[in-house]
């Protein structure tokens, strides 16, 4: 019966893939995250500072969205011009 070798190889591959290579590496209970340097410290923000930070983030996001829209419109216009020019060139070349 044909295909027996392929089926055996498939089963072997599935068995090999089911075994994790590094078992328990992240399952330790006492994971020490300070080995690479100082632990990360977070600052508590006052409500005014938090509001200012959120406002700055909102402004930055609006600027980013405007730039993205500008680039999209510019690329669309350039694409339309190139397609139009190529259609015009083809008409001039093959119709005359």
Protein backbone atom coordinates (compact mmCIF):
# COMPACT_ATOMS: atom_id res chain seq x y z
CA UNK A 1 0.00 0.00 0.00
CA UNK A 2 1.44 3.32 -1.06
CA UNK A 3 2.07 6.17 1.33
CA UNK A 4 2.98 4.10 4.39
CA UNK A 5 6.35 5.77 4.67
CA UNK A 6 4.79 9.19 4.54
CA UNK A 7 2.29 8.31 7.25
CA UNK A 8 5.04 6.95 9.50
CA UNK A 9 7.09 10.12 8.96
CA UNK A 10 4.04 12.26 9.73
CA UNK A 11 3.40 10.40 12.98
CA UNK A 12 7.06 10.73 14.00
CA UNK A 13 6.99 14.43 13.22
CA UNK A 14 3.83 14.95 15.28
CA UNK A 15 5.35 13.07 18.23
CA UNK A 16 8.54 15.15 18.05
CA UNK A 17 6.62 18.42 17.85
CA UNK A 18 4.43 17.55 20.84
CA UNK A 19 7.41 17.42 23.15
CA UNK A 20 8.51 20.82 24.36
CA UNK A 21 12.23 21.31 24.14
CA UNK A 22 12.70 23.28 27.35
CA UNK A 23 10.18 22.02 29.81
CA UNK A 24 9.70 23.98 32.98
CA UNK A 25 11.96 26.89 32.10
CA UNK A 26 9.30 29.47 32.87
CA UNK A 27 7.35 27.30 35.28
CA UNK A 28 9.63 28.00 38.23
CA UNK A 29 7.98 29.63 41.19
CA UNK A 30 10.92 31.83 42.17
CA UNK A 31 11.65 33.58 38.91
CA UNK A 32 14.17 36.29 39.74
CA UNK A 33 13.77 39.22 37.35
CA UNK A 34 16.48 41.39 38.91
CA UNK A 35 19.46 39.45 37.53
CA UNK A 36 19.88 41.76 34.55
CA UNK A 37 20.03 45.01 36.46
CA UNK A 38 17.87 47.22 38.59
CA UNK A 39 14.20 46.39 38.91
CA UNK A 40 11.83 48.70 37.09
CA UNK A 41 10.44 51.48 39.25
CA UNK A 42 7.20 53.20 38.37
CA UNK A 43 6.27 56.69 39.47
CA UNK A 44 2.87 57.64 40.77
CA UNK A 45 1.48 60.58 38.82
CA UNK A 46 -0.58 63.36 40.22
CA UNK A 47 -3.98 63.79 38.54
CA UNK A 48 -2.77 66.97 36.81
CA UNK A 49 0.39 65.30 35.51
CA UNK A 50 -1.62 62.28 34.40
CA UNK A 51 -4.08 64.53 32.55
CA UNK A 52 -1.20 66.40 30.87
CA UNK A 53 0.42 63.13 29.83
CA UNK A 54 -2.82 61.79 28.38
CA UNK A 55 -3.38 65.05 26.50
CA UNK A 56 0.15 64.90 25.06
CA UNK A 57 -0.41 61.29 23.98
CA UNK A 58 -3.72 62.28 22.33
CA UNK A 59 -2.06 65.16 20.46
CA UNK A 60 0.79 62.92 19.29
CA UNK A 61 -1.71 60.32 18.09
CA UNK A 62 -3.68 62.94 16.14
CA UNK A 63 -0.49 64.19 14.48
CA UNK A 64 0.49 60.62 13.60
CA UNK A 65 -2.96 59.96 12.10
CA UNK A 66 -2.77 63.17 10.02
CA UNK A 67 0.65 62.17 8.67
CA UNK A 68 -0.62 58.68 7.83
CA UNK A 69 -3.65 60.13 6.01
CA UNK A 70 -1.44 62.57 4.09
CA UNK A 71 0.89 59.77 3.00
CA UNK A 72 -2.04 57.60 1.94
CA UNK A 73 -3.61 60.36 -0.14
CA UNK A 74 -0.26 61.24 -1.70
CA UNK A 75 0.46 57.63 -2.65
CA UNK A 76 -3.07 57.27 -4.06
CA UNK A 77 -2.66 60.39 -6.24
CA UNK A 78 0.76 59.25 -7.46
CA UNK A 79 -0.63 55.81 -8.30
CA UNK A 80 -3.54 57.29 -10.24
CA UNK A 81 -1.19 59.57 -12.19
CA UNK A 82 1.13 56.67 -13.06
CA UNK A 83 -1.75 54.42 -14.11
CA UNK A 84 -3.30 57.21 -16.18
CA UNK A 85 0.01 58.01 -17.86
CA UNK A 86 0.63 54.35 -18.69
CA UNK A 87 -2.88 53.96 -20.16
CA UNK A 88 -2.38 57.12 -22.23
CA UNK A 89 1.00 55.86 -23.44
CA UNK A 90 -0.48 52.51 -24.42
CA UNK A 91 -3.34 54.21 -26.33
CA UNK A 92 -0.95 56.50 -28.18
CA UNK A 93 1.45 53.67 -28.99
CA UNK A 94 -1.00 51.03 -30.22
CA UNK A 95 -3.92 53.03 -31.63
CA UNK A 96 -1.87 55.21 -33.99
